[in-house]
PDB file of N, CA and C in Angstrom:
ATOM      1  N   UNK A   1     -74.387  83.884 -19.507  1.00  0.00           N
ATOM      2  CA  UNK A   1     -73.406  84.910 -19.222  1.00  0.00           C
ATOM      3  C   UNK A   1     -73.828  85.640 -17.948  1.00  0.00           C
ATOM      4  N   UNK A   2     -72.909  85.795 -17.031  1.00  0.00           N
ATOM      5  CA  UNK A   2     -73.177  86.545 -15.804  1.00  0.00           C
ATOM      6  C   UNK A   2     -72.684  87.978 -15.977  1.00  0.00           C
ATOM      7  N   UNK A   3     -73.508  88.926 -15.586  1.00  0.00           N
ATOM      8  CA  UNK A   3     -73.170  90.337 -15.690  1.00  0.00           C
ATOM      9  C   UNK A   3     -73.350  90.978 -14.317  1.00  0.00           C
ATOM     10  N   UNK A   4     -72.348  91.734 -13.884  1.00  0.00           N
ATOM     11  CA  UNK A   4     -72.402  92.403 -12.583  1.00  0.00           C
ATOM     12  C   UNK A   4     -73.462  93.503 -12.604  1.00  0.00           C
ATOM     13  N   UNK A   5     -74.338  93.471 -11.596  1.00  0.00           N
ATOM     14  CA  UNK A   5     -75.396  94.465 -11.436  1.00  0.00           C
ATOM     15  C   UNK A   5     -75.243  95.081 -10.049  1.00  0.00           C
ATOM     16  N   UNK A   6     -75.423  96.374  -9.958  1.00  0.00           N
ATOM     17  CA  UNK A   6     -75.361  97.078  -8.684  1.00  0.00           C
ATOM     18  C   UNK A   6     -76.784  97.492  -8.308  1.00  0.00           C
ATOM     19  N   UNK A   7     -77.208  97.089  -7.117  1.00  0.00           N
ATOM     20  CA  UNK A   7     -78.532  97.444  -6.597  1.00  0.00           C
ATOM     21  C   UNK A   7     -78.388  98.447  -5.466  1.00  0.00           C
ATOM     22  N   UNK A   8     -79.158  99.521  -5.540  1.00  0.00           N
ATOM     23  CA  UNK A   8     -79.162 100.519  -4.472  1.00  0.00           C
ATOM     24  C   UNK A   8     -80.600 100.918  -4.178  1.00  0.00           C
ATOM     25  N   UNK A   9     -80.883 101.164  -2.929  1.00  0.00           N
ATOM     26  CA  UNK A   9     -82.206 101.626  -2.541  1.00  0.00           C
ATOM     27  C   UNK A   9     -82.157 103.150  -2.468  1.00  0.00           C
ATOM     28  N   UNK A  10     -83.031 103.815  -3.231  1.00  0.00           N
ATOM     29  CA  UNK A  10     -82.986 105.276  -3.239  1.00  0.00           C
ATOM     30  C   UNK A  10     -83.782 105.862  -2.069  1.00  0.00           C
ATOM     31  N   UNK A  11     -83.816 107.184  -1.999  1.00  0.00           N
ATOM     32  CA  UNK A  11     -84.459 107.864  -0.869  1.00  0.00           C
ATOM     33  C   UNK A  11     -85.967 107.631  -0.802  1.00  0.00           C
ATOM     34  N   UNK A  12     -86.561 107.185  -1.913  1.00  0.00           N
ATOM     35  CA  UNK A  12     -87.992 106.894  -1.935  1.00  0.00           C
ATOM     36  C   UNK A  12     -88.290 105.425  -1.661  1.00  0.00           C
ATOM     37  N   UNK A  13     -87.246 104.629  -1.408  1.00  0.00           N
ATOM     38  CA  UNK A  13     -87.429 103.215  -1.117  1.00  0.00           C
ATOM     39  C   UNK A  13     -87.491 102.332  -2.349  1.00  0.00           C
ATOM     40  N   UNK A  14     -87.207 102.903  -3.511  1.00  0.00           N
ATOM     41  CA  UNK A  14     -87.208 102.154  -4.772  1.00  0.00           C
ATOM     42  C   UNK A  14     -85.820 101.565  -4.994  1.00  0.00           C
ATOM     43  N   UNK A  15     -85.764 100.328  -5.473  1.00  0.00           N
ATOM     44  CA  UNK A  15     -84.487  99.691  -5.774  1.00  0.00           C
ATOM     45  C   UNK A  15     -84.071 100.051  -7.196  1.00  0.00           C
ATOM     46  N   UNK A  16     -82.881 100.633  -7.313  1.00  0.00           N
ATOM     47  CA  UNK A  16     -82.337 101.048  -8.607  1.00  0.00           C
ATOM     48  C   UNK A  16     -81.212 100.094  -8.973  1.00  0.00           C
ATOM     49  N   UNK A  17     -81.287  99.549 -10.184  1.00  0.00           N
ATOM     50  CA  UNK A  17     -80.283  98.604 -10.672  1.00  0.00           C
ATOM     51  C   UNK A  17     -79.524  99.223 -11.827  1.00  0.00           C
ATOM     52  N   UNK A  18     -78.195  99.170 -11.751  1.00  0.00           N
ATOM     53  CA  UNK A  18     -77.345  99.658 -12.831  1.00  0.00           C
ATOM     54  C   UNK A  18     -76.356  98.562 -13.218  1.00  0.00           C
ATOM     55  N   UNK A  19     -75.804  98.708 -14.418  1.00  0.00           N
ATOM     56  CA  UNK A  19     -74.850  97.733 -14.940  1.00  0.00           C
ATOM     57  C   UNK A  19     -73.557  98.477 -15.272  1.00  0.00           C
ATOM     58  N   UNK A  20     -72.531  98.343 -14.420  1.00  0.00           N
ATOM     59  CA  UNK A  20     -71.282  99.074 -14.663  1.00  0.00           C
ATOM     60  C   UNK A  20     -70.680  98.812 -16.050  1.00  0.00           C
ATOM     61  N   UNK A  21     -70.830  97.607 -16.579  1.00  0.00           N
ATOM     62  CA  UNK A  21     -70.246  97.265 -17.875  1.00  0.00           C
ATOM     63  C   UNK A  21     -71.036  97.844 -19.049  1.00  0.00           C
ATOM     64  N   UNK A  22     -72.259  98.322 -18.783  1.00  0.00           N
ATOM     65  CA  UNK A  22     -73.107  98.871 -19.847  1.00  0.00           C
ATOM     66  C   UNK A  22     -73.607 100.249 -19.425  1.00  0.00           C
ATOM     67  N   UNK A  23     -72.780 101.273 -19.590  1.00  0.00           N
ATOM     68  CA  UNK A  23     -73.195 102.623 -19.191  1.00  0.00           C
ATOM     69  C   UNK A  23     -74.547 102.996 -19.810  1.00  0.00           C
ATOM     70  N   UNK A  24     -75.424 103.532 -18.978  1.00  0.00           N
ATOM     71  CA  UNK A  24     -76.749 103.922 -19.449  1.00  0.00           C
ATOM     72  C   UNK A  24     -77.792 102.836 -19.284  1.00  0.00           C
ATOM     73  N   UNK A  25     -77.376 101.639 -18.921  1.00  0.00           N
ATOM     74  CA  UNK A  25     -78.313 100.535 -18.708  1.00  0.00           C
ATOM     75  C   UNK A  25     -78.738 100.581 -17.251  1.00  0.00           C
ATOM     76  N   UNK A  26     -79.979 101.010 -17.026  1.00  0.00           N
ATOM     77  CA  UNK A  26     -80.481 101.224 -15.677  1.00  0.00           C
ATOM     78  C   UNK A  26     -81.953 100.842 -15.627  1.00  0.00           C
ATOM     79  N   UNK A  27     -82.393 100.352 -14.485  1.00  0.00           N
ATOM     80  CA  UNK A  27     -83.794 100.028 -14.286  1.00  0.00           C
ATOM     81  C   UNK A  27     -84.099 100.131 -12.801  1.00  0.00           C
ATOM     82  N   UNK A  28     -85.335  99.866 -12.442  1.00  0.00           N
ATOM     83  CA  UNK A  28     -85.721  99.969 -11.041  1.00  0.00           C
ATOM     84  C   UNK A  28     -86.896  99.054 -10.749  1.00  0.00           C
ATOM     85  N   UNK A  29     -87.222  98.929  -9.470  1.00  0.00           N
ATOM     86  CA  UNK A  29     -88.368  98.136  -9.049  1.00  0.00           C
ATOM     87  C   UNK A  29     -88.708  98.430  -7.605  1.00  0.00           C
ATOM     88  N   UNK A  30     -89.931  98.106  -7.232  1.00  0.00           N
ATOM     89  CA  UNK A  30     -90.367  98.330  -5.848  1.00  0.00           C
ATOM     90  C   UNK A  30     -89.688  97.364  -4.892  1.00  0.00           C
ATOM     91  N   UNK A  31     -89.276  96.186  -5.401  1.00  0.00           N
ATOM     92  CA  UNK A  31     -88.567  95.196  -4.594  1.00  0.00           C
ATOM     93  C   UNK A  31     -87.266  94.839  -5.304  1.00  0.00           C
ATOM     94  N   UNK A  32     -86.352  94.193  -4.567  1.00  0.00           N
ATOM     95  CA  UNK A  32     -85.105  93.740  -5.190  1.00  0.00           C
ATOM     96  C   UNK A  32     -85.412  92.764  -6.319  1.00  0.00           C
ATOM     97  N   UNK A  33     -86.331  91.846  -6.073  1.00  0.00           N
ATOM     98  CA  UNK A  33     -86.692  90.844  -7.073  1.00  0.00           C
ATOM     99  C   UNK A  33     -87.215  91.506  -8.348  1.00  0.00           C
ATOM    100  N   UNK A  34     -88.079  92.500  -8.189  1.00  0.00           N
ATOM    101  CA  UNK A  34     -88.628  93.196  -9.354  1.00  0.00           C
ATOM    102  C   UNK A  34     -87.537  93.989 -10.081  1.00  0.00           C
ATOM    103  N   UNK A  35     -86.655  94.640  -9.322  1.00  0.00           N
ATOM    104  CA  UNK A  35     -85.569  95.404  -9.940  1.00  0.00           C
ATOM    105  C   UNK A  35     -84.650  94.484 -10.734  1.00  0.00           C
ATOM    106  N   UNK A  36     -84.347  93.287 -10.195  1.00  0.00           N
ATOM    107  CA  UNK A  36     -83.486  92.341 -10.911  1.00  0.00           C
ATOM    108  C   UNK A  36     -84.168  91.806 -12.168  1.00  0.00           C
ATOM    109  N   UNK A  37     -85.460  91.561 -12.087  1.00  0.00           N
ATOM    110  CA  UNK A  37     -86.215  91.112 -13.267  1.00  0.00           C
ATOM    111  C   UNK A  37     -86.178  92.202 -14.342  1.00  0.00           C
ATOM    112  N   UNK A  38     -86.393  93.441 -13.916  1.00  0.00           N
ATOM    113  CA  UNK A  38     -86.423  94.561 -14.859  1.00  0.00           C
ATOM    114  C   UNK A  38     -85.044  94.819 -15.476  1.00  0.00           C
ATOM    115  N   UNK A  39     -83.971  94.720 -14.677  1.00  0.00           N
ATOM    116  CA  UNK A  39     -82.636  94.988 -15.226  1.00  0.00           C
ATOM    117  C   UNK A  39     -82.224  93.884 -16.182  1.00  0.00           C
ATOM    118  N   UNK A  40     -82.680  92.660 -15.947  1.00  0.00           N
ATOM    119  CA  UNK A  40     -82.384  91.575 -16.886  1.00  0.00           C
ATOM    120  C   UNK A  40     -82.964  91.903 -18.262  1.00  0.00           C
ATOM    121  N   UNK A  41     -84.206  92.364 -18.268  1.00  0.00           N
ATOM    122  CA  UNK A  41     -84.842  92.757 -19.530  1.00  0.00           C
ATOM    123  C   UNK A  41     -84.108  93.948 -20.150  1.00  0.00           C
ATOM    124  N   UNK A  42     -83.721  94.909 -19.316  1.00  0.00           N
ATOM    125  CA  UNK A  42     -83.008  96.089 -19.819  1.00  0.00           C
ATOM    126  C   UNK A  42     -81.667  95.706 -20.439  1.00  0.00           C
ATOM    127  N   UNK A  43     -80.959  94.760 -19.820  1.00  0.00           N
ATOM    128  CA  UNK A  43     -79.673  94.302 -20.354  1.00  0.00           C
ATOM    129  C   UNK A  43     -79.879  93.655 -21.722  1.00  0.00           C
ATOM    130  N   UNK A  44     -80.879  92.785 -21.819  1.00  0.00           N
ATOM    131  CA  UNK A  44     -81.147  92.108 -23.089  1.00  0.00           C
ATOM    132  C   UNK A  44     -81.468  93.117 -24.189  1.00  0.00           C
ATOM    133  N   UNK A  45     -82.303  94.102 -23.879  1.00  0.00           N
ATOM    134  CA  UNK A  45     -82.652  95.130 -24.867  1.00  0.00           C
ATOM    135  C   UNK A  45     -81.449  95.999 -25.216  1.00  0.00           C
ATOM    136  N   UNK A  46     -80.659  96.345 -24.225  1.00  0.00           N
ATOM    137  CA  UNK A  46     -79.477  97.191 -24.435  1.00  0.00           C
ATOM    138  C   UNK A  46     -78.491  96.502 -25.383  1.00  0.00           C
ATOM    139  N   UNK A  47     -78.194  95.233 -25.088  1.00  0.00           N
ATOM    140  CA  UNK A  47     -77.244  94.480 -25.914  1.00  0.00           C
ATOM    141  C   UNK A  47     -77.804  94.273 -27.318  1.00  0.00           C
ATOM    142  N   UNK A  48     -79.094  93.987 -27.416  1.00  0.00           N
ATOM    143  CA  UNK A  48     -79.734  93.803 -28.729  1.00  0.00           C
ATOM    144  C   UNK A  48     -79.632  95.084 -29.564  1.00  0.00           C
ATOM    145  N   UNK A  49     -79.873  96.220 -28.920  1.00  0.00           N
ATOM    146  CA  UNK A  49     -79.792  97.506 -29.622  1.00  0.00           C
ATOM    147  C   UNK A  49     -78.370  97.798 -30.072  1.00  0.00           C
ATOM    148  N   UNK A  50     -77.381  97.516 -29.227  1.00  0.00           N
ATOM    149  CA  UNK A  50     -75.983  97.710 -29.632  1.00  0.00           C
ATOM    150  C   UNK A  50     -75.672  96.862 -30.866  1.00  0.00           C
ATOM    151  N   UNK A  51     -76.138  95.614 -30.858  1.00  0.00           N
ATOM    152  CA  UNK A  51     -75.887  94.718 -31.989  1.00  0.00           C
ATOM    153  C   UNK A  51     -76.559  95.240 -33.256  1.00  0.00           C
ATOM    154  N   UNK A  52     -77.792  95.695 -33.144  1.00  0.00           N
ATOM    155  CA  UNK A  52     -78.508  96.244 -34.308  1.00  0.00           C
ATOM    156  C   UNK A  52     -77.784  97.442 -34.897  1.00  0.00           C
ATOM    157  N   UNK A  53     -77.196  98.259 -34.031  1.00  0.00           N
ATOM    158  CA  UNK A  53     -76.494  99.465 -34.468  1.00  0.00           C
ATOM    159  C   UNK A  53     -75.045  99.191 -34.859  1.00  0.00           C
ATOM    160  N   UNK A  54     -74.622  97.930 -34.742  1.00  0.00           N
ATOM    161  CA  UNK A  54     -73.252  97.570 -35.110  1.00  0.00           C
ATOM    162  C   UNK A  54     -72.208  98.058 -34.125  1.00  0.00           C
ATOM    163  N   UNK A  55     -72.618  98.300 -32.895  1.00  0.00           N
ATOM    164  CA  UNK A  55     -71.686  98.783 -31.878  1.00  0.00           C
ATOM    165  C   UNK A  55     -71.220  97.581 -31.063  1.00  0.00           C
ATOM    166  N   UNK A  56     -69.915  97.331 -31.048  1.00  0.00           N
ATOM    167  CA  UNK A  56     -69.423  96.165 -30.296  1.00  0.00           C
ATOM    168  C   UNK A  56     -69.521  96.386 -28.790  1.00  0.00           C
ATOM    169  N   UNK A  57     -69.672  95.285 -28.073  1.00  0.00           N
ATOM    170  CA  UNK A  57     -69.618  95.372 -26.619  1.00  0.00           C
ATOM    171  C   UNK A  57     -68.191  95.713 -26.239  1.00  0.00           C
ATOM    172  N   UNK A  58     -68.035  96.650 -25.326  1.00  0.00           N
ATOM    173  CA  UNK A  58     -66.682  96.996 -24.898  1.00  0.00           C
ATOM    174  C   UNK A  58     -66.127  95.876 -24.047  1.00  0.00           C
ATOM    175  N   UNK A  59     -64.848  95.633 -24.193  1.00  0.00           N
ATOM    176  CA  UNK A  59     -64.193  94.593 -23.396  1.00  0.00           C
ATOM    177  C   UNK A  59     -64.056  95.016 -21.955  1.00  0.00           C
ATOM    178  N   UNK A  60     -63.584  94.114 -21.152  1.00  0.00           N
ATOM    179  CA  UNK A  60     -63.392  94.431 -19.735  1.00  0.00           C
ATOM    180  C   UNK A  60     -62.299  95.483 -19.595  1.00  0.00           C
ATOM    181  N   UNK A  61     -62.575  96.443 -18.751  1.00  0.00           N
ATOM    182  CA  UNK A  61     -61.584  97.478 -18.481  1.00  0.00           C
ATOM    183  C   UNK A  61     -60.535  96.913 -17.539  1.00  0.00           C
ATOM    184  N   UNK A  62     -59.364  97.463 -17.617  1.00  0.00           N
ATOM    185  CA  UNK A  62     -58.265  97.006 -16.771  1.00  0.00           C
ATOM    186  C   UNK A  62     -58.317  97.726 -15.427  1.00  0.00           C
ATOM    187  N   UNK A  63     -59.459  97.668 -14.786  1.00  0.00           N
ATOM    188  CA  UNK A  63     -59.617  98.313 -13.485  1.00  0.00           C
ATOM    189  C   UNK A  63     -59.367  97.294 -12.380  1.00  0.00           C
ATOM    190  N   UNK A  64     -58.852  97.784 -11.294  1.00  0.00           N
ATOM    191  CA  UNK A  64     -58.591  96.918 -10.143  1.00  0.00           C
ATOM    192  C   UNK A  64     -59.409  97.435  -8.971  1.00  0.00           C
ATOM    193  N   UNK A  65     -60.112  96.527  -8.308  1.00  0.00           N
ATOM    194  CA  UNK A  65     -60.854  96.896  -7.108  1.00  0.00           C
ATOM    195  C   UNK A  65     -60.067  96.443  -5.895  1.00  0.00           C
ATOM    196  N   UNK A  66     -60.030  97.310  -4.893  1.00  0.00           N
ATOM    197  CA  UNK A  66     -59.310  96.984  -3.669  1.00  0.00           C
ATOM    198  C   UNK A  66     -59.978  97.699  -2.498  1.00  0.00           C
ATOM    199  N   UNK A  67     -59.568  97.382  -1.310  1.00  0.00           N
ATOM    200  CA  UNK A  67     -60.077  98.044  -0.107  1.00  0.00           C
ATOM    201  C   UNK A  67     -58.974  98.905   0.479  1.00  0.00           C
ATOM    202  N   UNK A  68     -59.365 100.037   1.045  1.00  0.00           N
ATOM    203  CA  UNK A  68     -58.431 100.942   1.690  1.00  0.00           C
ATOM    204  C   UNK A  68     -58.923 101.175   3.111  1.00  0.00           C
ATOM    205  N   UNK A  69     -58.040 101.034   4.080  1.00  0.00           N
ATOM    206  CA  UNK A  69     -58.392 101.228   5.470  1.00  0.00           C
ATOM    207  C   UNK A  69     -58.193 102.692   5.848  1.00  0.00           C
ATOM    208  N   UNK A  70     -59.226 103.292   6.452  1.00  0.00           N
ATOM    209  CA  UNK A  70     -59.127 104.687   6.889  1.00  0.00           C
ATOM    210  C   UNK A  70     -59.558 104.783   8.350  1.00  0.00           C
ATOM    211  N   UNK A  71     -58.995 105.734   9.052  1.00  0.00           N
ATOM    212  CA  UNK A  71     -59.365 105.976  10.457  1.00  0.00           C
ATOM    213  C   UNK A  71     -60.459 107.017  10.499  1.00  0.00           C
ATOM    214  N   UNK A  72     -61.502 106.715  11.240  1.00  0.00           N
ATOM    215  CA  UNK A  72     -62.608 107.687  11.361  1.00  0.00           C
ATOM    216  C   UNK A  72     -62.754 108.164  12.779  1.00  0.00           C
TER     217      UNK A  72
END
């Protein structure tokens, strides 16, 4: 299963990984590779915990992504 992950570099140079489909699922690493390794583990634990608690995974939201052109 592929899950969308967002990687951002914070002001301290640490890579922060979040999962839009799993609110609260967040991890970090000194490198992109480490952050991705850590978020993979975080996703597995997050989903496992939801299952243990009987909480279903939420379905895909009906959100649409698009681009908007602005003049600067």
